[in-house]
Protein backbone atom coordinates (compact mmCIF):
# COMPACT_ATOMS: atom_id res chain seq x y z
CA MET A 1 -33.44 -70.64 18.05
CA ASN A 2 -35.95 -71.07 15.33
CA ILE A 3 -36.28 -74.81 16.16
CA ILE A 4 -37.59 -74.00 19.57
CA GLN A 5 -40.15 -71.48 18.40
CA ASN A 6 -41.61 -74.05 15.90
CA ILE A 7 -42.53 -76.45 18.84
CA PRO A 8 -46.04 -75.97 19.93
CA GLU A 9 -46.83 -74.71 23.42
CA HIS A 10 -48.79 -77.70 24.54
CA ILE A 11 -45.87 -79.98 23.72
CA PHE A 12 -43.50 -77.71 25.94
CA GLU A 13 -46.15 -77.86 28.63
CA SER A 14 -46.30 -81.65 28.54
CA ILE A 15 -42.55 -82.06 28.55
CA GLY A 16 -42.30 -79.43 31.48
CA ILE A 17 -44.88 -81.61 33.41
CA VAL A 18 -42.80 -84.75 32.85
CA ALA A 19 -39.66 -83.11 33.81
CA GLY A 20 -41.22 -81.56 36.89
CA LEU A 21 -42.65 -84.83 38.03
CA SER A 22 -39.25 -86.52 37.42
CA ALA A 23 -37.69 -83.81 39.73
CA CYS A 24 -40.55 -84.57 42.30
CA LEU A 25 -39.68 -88.44 42.15
CA VAL A 26 -36.07 -87.49 43.13
CA ILE A 27 -37.30 -85.61 46.14
CA ALA A 28 -39.52 -88.43 46.96
CA ILE A 29 -36.66 -90.89 46.82
CA GLN A 30 -34.87 -88.62 49.44
CA VAL A 31 -37.96 -88.41 51.68
CA ILE A 32 -38.16 -92.38 51.53
CA LYS A 33 -34.45 -92.62 52.30
CA GLU A 34 -34.58 -90.22 55.19
CA PHE A 35 -37.72 -91.95 56.62
CA ARG A 36 -36.04 -95.36 56.51
CA TYR A 37 -32.49 -94.28 57.59
CA LYS A 38 -32.44 -94.65 61.53
CA HIS A 39 -29.53 -92.14 62.09
CA PRO A 40 -29.56 -88.42 62.20
CA SER A 41 -29.78 -86.71 58.93
CA SER A 42 -26.72 -85.16 57.40
CA LEU A 43 -28.73 -82.47 55.25
CA SER A 44 -28.35 -79.04 56.47
CA ASN A 45 -31.15 -76.77 57.45
CA GLY A 46 -30.10 -74.30 54.80
CA PHE A 47 -30.52 -77.05 52.09
CA ILE A 48 -33.93 -78.47 53.22
CA PHE A 49 -35.46 -75.03 54.03
CA GLY A 50 -33.95 -73.32 50.97
CA TRP A 51 -35.56 -75.74 48.78
CA VAL A 52 -39.01 -75.23 50.06
CA PHE A 53 -38.68 -71.52 49.46
CA ILE A 54 -37.36 -72.09 45.86
CA TYR A 55 -40.08 -74.35 45.05
CA LEU A 56 -42.74 -72.04 46.52
CA PHE A 57 -41.34 -69.23 44.38
CA TRP A 58 -41.52 -71.31 41.19
CA CYS A 59 -44.93 -72.36 42.20
CA PHE A 60 -46.21 -68.82 42.61
CA TYR A 61 -44.43 -67.91 39.34
CA GLY A 62 -46.26 -70.55 37.55
CA LEU A 63 -49.53 -69.23 38.96
CA ARG A 64 -48.67 -65.70 38.18
CA PHE A 65 -48.03 -66.69 34.54
CA ASN A 66 -50.60 -69.52 34.17
CA ALA A 67 -47.89 -72.10 33.34
CA LEU A 68 -49.39 -75.45 34.59
CA ALA A 69 -46.12 -77.26 34.38
CA LEU A 70 -44.45 -74.85 36.82
CA TRP A 71 -47.26 -74.20 39.44
CA LEU A 72 -48.21 -77.93 39.45
CA THR A 73 -44.95 -79.71 39.77
CA ASN A 74 -43.62 -77.14 42.19
CA ALA A 75 -46.78 -77.25 44.57
CA ILE A 76 -45.89 -81.10 44.61
CA ALA A 77 -42.33 -80.36 45.39
CA VAL A 78 -43.10 -77.94 48.10
CA VAL A 79 -45.28 -80.63 49.71
CA LEU A 80 -42.68 -83.34 49.32
CA GLN A 81 -39.72 -80.88 50.63
CA SER A 82 -41.90 -79.95 53.62
CA ILE A 83 -42.23 -83.74 54.39
CA LEU A 84 -38.62 -83.93 54.18
CA CYS A 85 -38.08 -81.05 56.45
CA PHE A 86 -40.39 -82.53 59.00
CA ILE A 87 -38.64 -85.69 58.94
CA VAL A 88 -35.28 -84.32 59.25
CA ILE A 89 -36.17 -82.04 62.17
CA LYS A 90 -38.20 -84.85 64.03
CA LYS A 91 -35.05 -87.16 63.85
CA ARG A 92 -32.68 -84.37 65.05
CA LYS A 93 -35.03 -83.73 68.02
CA ARG A 94 -35.22 -87.42 68.76
CA TYR A 95 -31.36 -87.89 68.69
CA SER A 96 -30.66 -84.75 70.56
CA SER A 97 -33.07 -85.82 73.38
CA LEU A 98 -31.36 -89.17 73.64
CA ASN A 99 -27.83 -87.47 73.84
CA GLU A 100 -29.01 -85.30 76.65
């Protein structure tokens, strides 16, 4: 583990931001897919809402310990995941009203 200790903090922070933004890109891809897909979503409520709370926790954790890579990228992830939740719920309401 001596190798890890020799890497400067700013390098870890930069890599953390890149990794976090890459994860946000994956969420953004799912948001776009759900928006374009015209059928009801197959994502469960536990999945979509669970990730909001997970990202929110890590955002607060990053704020608490002043870790830019954690709070910034997880704040973005909270917004993206919330948009995903909104799209999924809106689609479910639309399709449930059509089936009534």
